[in-house]
Amino acid sequence: MQINRSNKKKKIITGFIGLLVIVVVGGLFYYSAVRAEIREEATLRYNNLQTNGSFYNKILNSTSKDGYLVEEITEEQVEQFAVQLEEEKNTLKKYNKKYPNNKLDLSPIDSLYKMIIELDDKLSIEKELNNLITYSNYLSEDNPQMEKVVITDKLTDKSLDDFTEMVQSKKNY
């Protein structure tokens, strides 16, 4: 009887140790899979902000090759760019804090901020310029070669000075 009881205890202890090993090994595999998934998501977000990334290209494609705004760009889109960039930055900062051994370089975010500020400045200048001038028959169907810009009646020395000051302040920023 004593031997059966001793064998039974050994089997229970061995089973418990085996179960414990399985739980620990399974937990480690799960933890490593979750960590790899988080790393992959952070890398995707990071690559999105790089020179060839889709977010970077969205901002870059908001201006023409000559540096002019594309017609479709709006103040709301520029604001959305800023909000999205801030969200991406915060997410990547959290990742860097949580995984200090796998830190991602966040310095490219500064150049994206500068690009967004430039877009916002160009929109402000365009808006102010549109207040100063109107386009009359500009490339109209009647005369596709005519490029006539007419200064509005509302133009005063003060409004022109204000516009010039605003443009200068944007350049100095």
C-alpha atoms as a PDB file:
ATOM      1  CA  MET A   1       0.000   0.000   0.000  1.00  0.00           C
ATOM      2  CA  GLN A   2       2.801   2.318   0.930  1.00  0.00           C
ATOM      3  CA  ILE A   3       4.459   1.873  -2.482  1.00  0.00           C
ATOM      4  CA  ASN A   4       1.223   2.665  -4.344  1.00  0.00           C
ATOM      5  CA  ARG A   5       0.760   5.794  -2.308  1.00  0.00           C
ATOM      6  CA  SER A   6       4.351   6.863  -2.953  1.00  0.00           C
ATOM      7  CA  ASN A   7       3.996   6.169  -6.697  1.00  0.00           C
ATOM      8  CA  LYS A   8       0.755   8.092  -6.747  1.00  0.00           C
ATOM      9  CA  LYS A   9       2.419  11.117  -5.115  1.00  0.00           C
ATOM     10  CA  LYS A  10       5.303  10.936  -7.602  1.00  0.00           C
ATOM     11  CA  LYS A  11       2.865  10.813 -10.510  1.00  0.00           C
ATOM     12  CA  ILE A  12       0.915  13.801  -9.155  1.00  0.00           C
ATOM     13  CA  ILE A  13       4.103  15.813  -8.583  1.00  0.00           C
ATOM     14  CA  THR A  14       5.473  14.853 -12.010  1.00  0.00           C
ATOM     15  CA  GLY A  15       2.161  15.761 -13.630  1.00  0.00           C
ATOM     16  CA  PHE A  16       2.062  19.067 -11.796  1.00  0.00           C
ATOM     17  CA  ILE A  17       5.652  19.892 -12.812  1.00  0.00           C
ATOM     18  CA  GLY A  18       4.891  18.895 -16.404  1.00  0.00           C
ATOM     19  CA  LEU A  19       1.783  21.096 -16.445  1.00  0.00           C
ATOM     20  CA  LEU A  20       3.767  23.966 -14.942  1.00  0.00           C
ATOM     21  CA  VAL A  21       6.484  23.590 -17.624  1.00  0.00           C
ATOM     22  CA  ILE A  22       3.845  23.552 -20.370  1.00  0.00           C
ATOM     23  CA  VAL A  23       2.194  26.711 -18.971  1.00  0.00           C
ATOM     24  CA  VAL A  24       5.535  28.526 -18.654  1.00  0.00           C
ATOM     25  CA  VAL A  25       6.716  27.521 -22.134  1.00  0.00           C
ATOM     26  CA  GLY A  26       3.311  28.405 -23.631  1.00  0.00           C
ATOM     27  CA  GLY A  27       3.351  31.760 -21.847  1.00  0.00           C
ATOM     28  CA  LEU A  28       6.822  32.508 -23.195  1.00  0.00           C
ATOM     29  CA  PHE A  29       5.752  31.638 -26.725  1.00  0.00           C
ATOM     30  CA  TYR A  30       2.660  33.819 -26.364  1.00  0.00           C
ATOM     31  CA  TYR A  31       4.692  36.718 -24.937  1.00  0.00           C
ATOM     32  CA  SER A  32       7.245  36.459 -27.731  1.00  0.00           C
ATOM     33  CA  ALA A  33       4.483  36.328 -30.381  1.00  0.00           C
ATOM     34  CA  VAL A  34       2.767  39.408 -28.925  1.00  0.00           C
ATOM     35  CA  ARG A  35       6.081  41.231 -28.714  1.00  0.00           C
ATOM     36  CA  ALA A  36       6.889  40.376 -32.349  1.00  0.00           C
ATOM     37  CA  GLU A  37       3.449  41.614 -33.401  1.00  0.00           C
ATOM     38  CA  ILE A  38       3.959  44.894 -31.530  1.00  0.00           C
ATOM     39  CA  ARG A  39       7.421  45.268 -33.085  1.00  0.00           C
ATOM     40  CA  GLU A  40       5.992  44.632 -36.550  1.00  0.00           C
ATOM     41  CA  GLU A  41       3.230  47.214 -36.059  1.00  0.00           C
ATOM     42  CA  ALA A  42       5.717  49.789 -34.771  1.00  0.00           C
ATOM     43  CA  THR A  43       8.011  49.097 -37.731  1.00  0.00           C
ATOM     44  CA  LEU A  44       5.117  49.575 -40.165  1.00  0.00           C
ATOM     45  CA  ARG A  45       4.192  52.881 -38.525  1.00  0.00           C
ATOM     46  CA  TYR A  46       7.843  53.939 -38.546  1.00  0.00           C
ATOM     47  CA  ASN A  47       8.307  53.035 -42.220  1.00  0.00           C
ATOM     48  CA  ASN A  48       5.133  54.964 -43.033  1.00  0.00           C
ATOM     49  CA  LEU A  49       6.889  58.137 -41.826  1.00  0.00           C
ATOM     50  CA  GLN A  50      10.101  57.533 -43.762  1.00  0.00           C
ATOM     51  CA  THR A  51      10.973  59.161 -47.100  1.00  0.00           C
ATOM     52  CA  ASN A  52       9.323  56.395 -49.141  1.00  0.00           C
ATOM     53  CA  GLY A  53       6.443  55.847 -46.700  1.00  0.00           C
ATOM     54  CA  SER A  54       2.815  56.449 -47.617  1.00  0.00           C
ATOM     55  CA  PHE A  55       2.238  59.177 -44.999  1.00  0.00           C
ATOM     56  CA  TYR A  56       5.358  61.030 -46.108  1.00  0.00           C
ATOM     57  CA  ASN A  57       4.249  60.771 -49.730  1.00  0.00           C
ATOM     58  CA  LYS A  58       0.761  62.100 -48.890  1.00  0.00           C
ATOM     59  CA  ILE A  59       2.335  65.226 -47.465  1.00  0.00           C
ATOM     60  CA  LEU A  60       4.858  65.484 -50.284  1.00  0.00           C
ATOM     61  CA  ASN A  61       2.148  65.093 -52.932  1.00  0.00           C
ATOM     62  CA  SER A  62       0.239  68.034 -51.463  1.00  0.00           C
ATOM     63  CA  THR A  63       2.532  70.293 -53.449  1.00  0.00           C
ATOM     64  CA  SER A  64       3.605  70.185 -57.064  1.00  0.00           C
ATOM     65  CA  LYS A  65       7.187  69.627 -58.163  1.00  0.00           C
ATOM     66  CA  ASP A  66       7.506  73.419 -58.369  1.00  0.00           C
ATOM     67  CA  GLY A  67       6.437  73.761 -54.731  1.00  0.00           C
ATOM     68  CA  TYR A  68       2.919  75.045 -55.372  1.00  0.00           C
ATOM     69  CA  LEU A  69      -0.080  73.637 -53.554  1.00  0.00           C
ATOM     70  CA  VAL A  70      -2.153  71.107 -55.433  1.00  0.00           C
ATOM     71  CA  GLU A  71      -5.715  72.255 -55.997  1.00  0.00           C
ATOM     72  CA  GLU A  72      -7.314  69.572 -53.851  1.00  0.00           C
ATOM     73  CA  ILE A  73      -5.460  70.407 -50.621  1.00  0.00           C
ATOM     74  CA  THR A  74      -7.573  71.979 -47.885  1.00  0.00           C
ATOM     75  CA  GLU A  75      -6.952  73.364 -44.420  1.00  0.00           C
ATOM     76  CA  GLU A  76      -8.794  70.361 -42.989  1.00  0.00           C
ATOM     77  CA  GLN A  77      -6.408  67.960 -44.727  1.00  0.00           C
ATOM     78  CA  VAL A  78      -3.383  69.816 -43.401  1.00  0.00           C
ATOM     79  CA  GLU A  79      -4.899  69.737 -39.909  1.00  0.00           C
ATOM     80  CA  GLN A  80      -5.538  66.002 -40.318  1.00  0.00           C
ATOM     81  CA  PHE A  81      -1.897  65.506 -41.322  1.00  0.00           C
ATOM     82  CA  ALA A  82      -0.802  67.242 -38.110  1.00  0.00           C
ATOM     83  CA  VAL A  83      -3.174  65.194 -35.947  1.00  0.00           C
ATOM     84  CA  GLN A  84      -2.152  61.920 -37.581  1.00  0.00           C
ATOM     85  CA  LEU A  85       1.537  62.737 -37.229  1.00  0.00           C
ATOM     86  CA  GLU A  86       1.073  63.531 -33.550  1.00  0.00           C
ATOM     87  CA  GLU A  87      -0.724  60.195 -33.028  1.00  0.00           C
ATOM     88  CA  GLU A  88       2.042  58.299 -34.825  1.00  0.00           C
ATOM     89  CA  LYS A  89       4.692  60.115 -32.800  1.00  0.00           C
ATOM     90  CA  ASN A  90       2.958  59.305 -29.496  1.00  0.00           C
ATOM     91  CA  THR A  91       2.541  55.647 -30.450  1.00  0.00           C
ATOM     92  CA  LEU A  92       6.200  55.313 -31.411  1.00  0.00           C
ATOM     93  CA  LYS A  93       7.315  57.120 -28.240  1.00  0.00           C
ATOM     94  CA  LYS A  94       5.312  54.609 -26.168  1.00  0.00           C
ATOM     95  CA  TYR A  95       6.943  51.779 -28.091  1.00  0.00           C
ATOM     96  CA  ASN A  96      10.417  53.228 -27.469  1.00  0.00           C
ATOM     97  CA  LYS A  97       9.625  53.582 -23.769  1.00  0.00           C
ATOM     98  CA  LYS A  98       8.298  50.039 -23.488  1.00  0.00           C
ATOM     99  CA  TYR A  99      11.107  48.452 -25.538  1.00  0.00           C
ATOM    100  CA  PRO A 100      14.250  50.526 -24.914  1.00  0.00           C
ATOM    101  CA  ASN A 101      16.484  47.870 -26.521  1.00  0.00           C
ATOM    102  CA  ASN A 102      14.647  48.230 -29.853  1.00  0.00           C
ATOM    103  CA  LYS A 103      14.305  52.024 -30.007  1.00  0.00           C
ATOM    104  CA  LEU A 104      13.243  53.611 -33.279  1.00  0.00           C
ATOM    105  CA  ASP A 105      14.803  56.890 -34.433  1.00  0.00           C
ATOM    106  CA  LEU A 106      12.059  59.529 -34.303  1.00  0.00           C
ATOM    107  CA  SER A 107      14.103  62.372 -35.830  1.00  0.00           C
ATOM    108  CA  PRO A 108      12.395  62.088 -39.276  1.00  0.00           C
ATOM    109  CA  ILE A 109       9.192  63.265 -37.590  1.00  0.00           C
ATOM    110  CA  ASP A 110      10.714  66.741 -37.282  1.00  0.00           C
ATOM    111  CA  SER A 111      11.061  67.060 -41.052  1.00  0.00           C
ATOM    112  CA  LEU A 112       7.431  65.961 -41.453  1.00  0.00           C
ATOM    113  CA  TYR A 113       6.346  68.642 -38.992  1.00  0.00           C
ATOM    114  CA  LYS A 114       8.275  71.209 -41.030  1.00  0.00           C
ATOM    115  CA  MET A 115       6.572  70.001 -44.218  1.00  0.00           C
ATOM    116  CA  ILE A 116       3.151  70.323 -42.580  1.00  0.00           C
ATOM    117  CA  ILE A 117       3.984  73.820 -41.307  1.00  0.00           C
ATOM    118  CA  GLU A 118       5.081  74.799 -44.825  1.00  0.00           C
ATOM    119  CA  LEU A 119       1.783  73.491 -46.225  1.00  0.00           C
ATOM    120  CA  ASP A 120      -0.139  75.483 -43.644  1.00  0.00           C
ATOM    121  CA  ASP A 121       1.911  78.597 -44.420  1.00  0.00           C
ATOM    122  CA  LYS A 122       1.302  78.204 -48.145  1.00  0.00           C
ATOM    123  CA  LEU A 123      -2.433  77.829 -47.535  1.00  0.00           C
ATOM    124  CA  SER A 124      -2.432  80.989 -45.408  1.00  0.00           C
ATOM    125  CA  ILE A 125      -0.550  82.913 -48.077  1.00  0.00           C
ATOM    126  CA  GLU A 126      -2.872  81.606 -50.783  1.00  0.00           C
ATOM    127  CA  LYS A 127      -5.915  82.617 -48.766  1.00  0.00           C
ATOM    128  CA  GLU A 128      -4.564  86.116 -48.140  1.00  0.00           C
ATOM    129  CA  LEU A 129      -3.496  86.470 -51.766  1.00  0.00           C
ATOM    130  CA  ASN A 130      -6.969  85.489 -52.936  1.00  0.00           C
ATOM    131  CA  ASN A 131      -8.326  88.291 -50.775  1.00  0.00           C
ATOM    132  CA  LEU A 132      -6.105  90.760 -52.643  1.00  0.00           C
ATOM    133  CA  ILE A 133      -6.609  89.675 -56.232  1.00  0.00           C
ATOM    134  CA  THR A 134      -9.206  88.146 -58.467  1.00  0.00           C
ATOM    135  CA  TYR A 135      -8.614  86.262 -61.652  1.00  0.00           C
ATOM    136  CA  SER A 136     -10.395  87.639 -64.678  1.00  0.00           C
ATOM    137  CA  ASN A 137     -10.854  85.304 -67.641  1.00  0.00           C
ATOM    138  CA  TYR A 138      -7.841  83.387 -66.459  1.00  0.00           C
ATOM    139  CA  LEU A 139      -7.363  80.681 -69.088  1.00  0.00           C
ATOM    140  CA  SER A 140     -11.006  80.913 -70.045  1.00  0.00           C
ATOM    141  CA  GLU A 141     -12.579  78.915 -72.852  1.00  0.00           C
ATOM    142  CA  ASP A 142     -12.968  82.127 -74.853  1.00  0.00           C
ATOM    143  CA  ASN A 143      -9.277  82.925 -74.699  1.00  0.00           C
ATOM    144  CA  PRO A 144      -7.141  80.052 -73.373  1.00  0.00           C
ATOM    145  CA  GLN A 145      -3.944  82.120 -73.690  1.00  0.00           C
ATOM    146  CA  MET A 146      -5.166  85.046 -71.618  1.00  0.00           C
ATOM    147  CA  GLU A 147      -3.524  85.178 -68.200  1.00  0.00           C
ATOM    148  CA  LYS A 148      -4.803  88.388 -66.699  1.00  0.00           C
ATOM    149  CA  VAL A 149      -4.663  89.011 -62.980  1.00  0.00           C
ATOM    150  CA  VAL A 150      -6.761  91.897 -61.751  1.00  0.00           C
ATOM    151  CA  ILE A 151      -6.127  93.592 -58.434  1.00  0.00           C
ATOM    152  CA  THR A 152      -9.359  94.082 -56.516  1.00  0.00           C
ATOM    153  CA  ASP A 153     -10.859  97.422 -55.528  1.00  0.00           C
ATOM    154  CA  LYS A 154     -10.373  96.410 -51.903  1.00  0.00           C
ATOM    155  CA  LEU A 155      -6.593  96.638 -52.194  1.00  0.00           C
ATOM    156  CA  THR A 156      -5.095  99.301 -49.981  1.00  0.00           C
ATOM    157  CA  ASP A 157      -1.564 100.087 -48.874  1.00  0.00           C
ATOM    158  CA  LYS A 158      -2.381  98.611 -45.482  1.00  0.00           C
ATOM    159  CA  SER A 159      -3.764  95.349 -46.874  1.00  0.00           C
ATOM    160  CA  LEU A 160      -0.730  94.981 -49.132  1.00  0.00           C
ATOM    161  CA  ASP A 161       1.618  95.756 -46.228  1.00  0.00           C
ATOM    162  CA  ASP A 162      -0.243  93.255 -44.038  1.00  0.00           C
ATOM    163  CA  PHE A 163       0.096  90.630 -46.747  1.00  0.00           C
ATOM    164  CA  THR A 164       3.807  91.327 -47.185  1.00  0.00           C
ATOM    165  CA  GLU A 165       4.361  91.149 -43.429  1.00  0.00           C
ATOM    166  CA  MET A 166       2.508  87.858 -43.216  1.00  0.00           C
ATOM    167  CA  VAL A 167       4.581  86.354 -46.057  1.00  0.00           C
ATOM    168  CA  GLN A 168       7.805  87.580 -44.448  1.00  0.00           C
ATOM    169  CA  SER A 169       6.830  86.137 -41.077  1.00  0.00           C
ATOM    170  CA  LYS A 170       6.162  82.764 -42.702  1.00  0.00           C
ATOM    171  CA  LYS A 171       9.593  82.829 -44.356  1.00  0.00           C
ATOM    172  CA  ASN A 172      11.312  83.697 -41.086  1.00  0.00           C
ATOM    173  CA  TYR A 173       9.593  80.856 -39.274  1.00  0.00           C
END
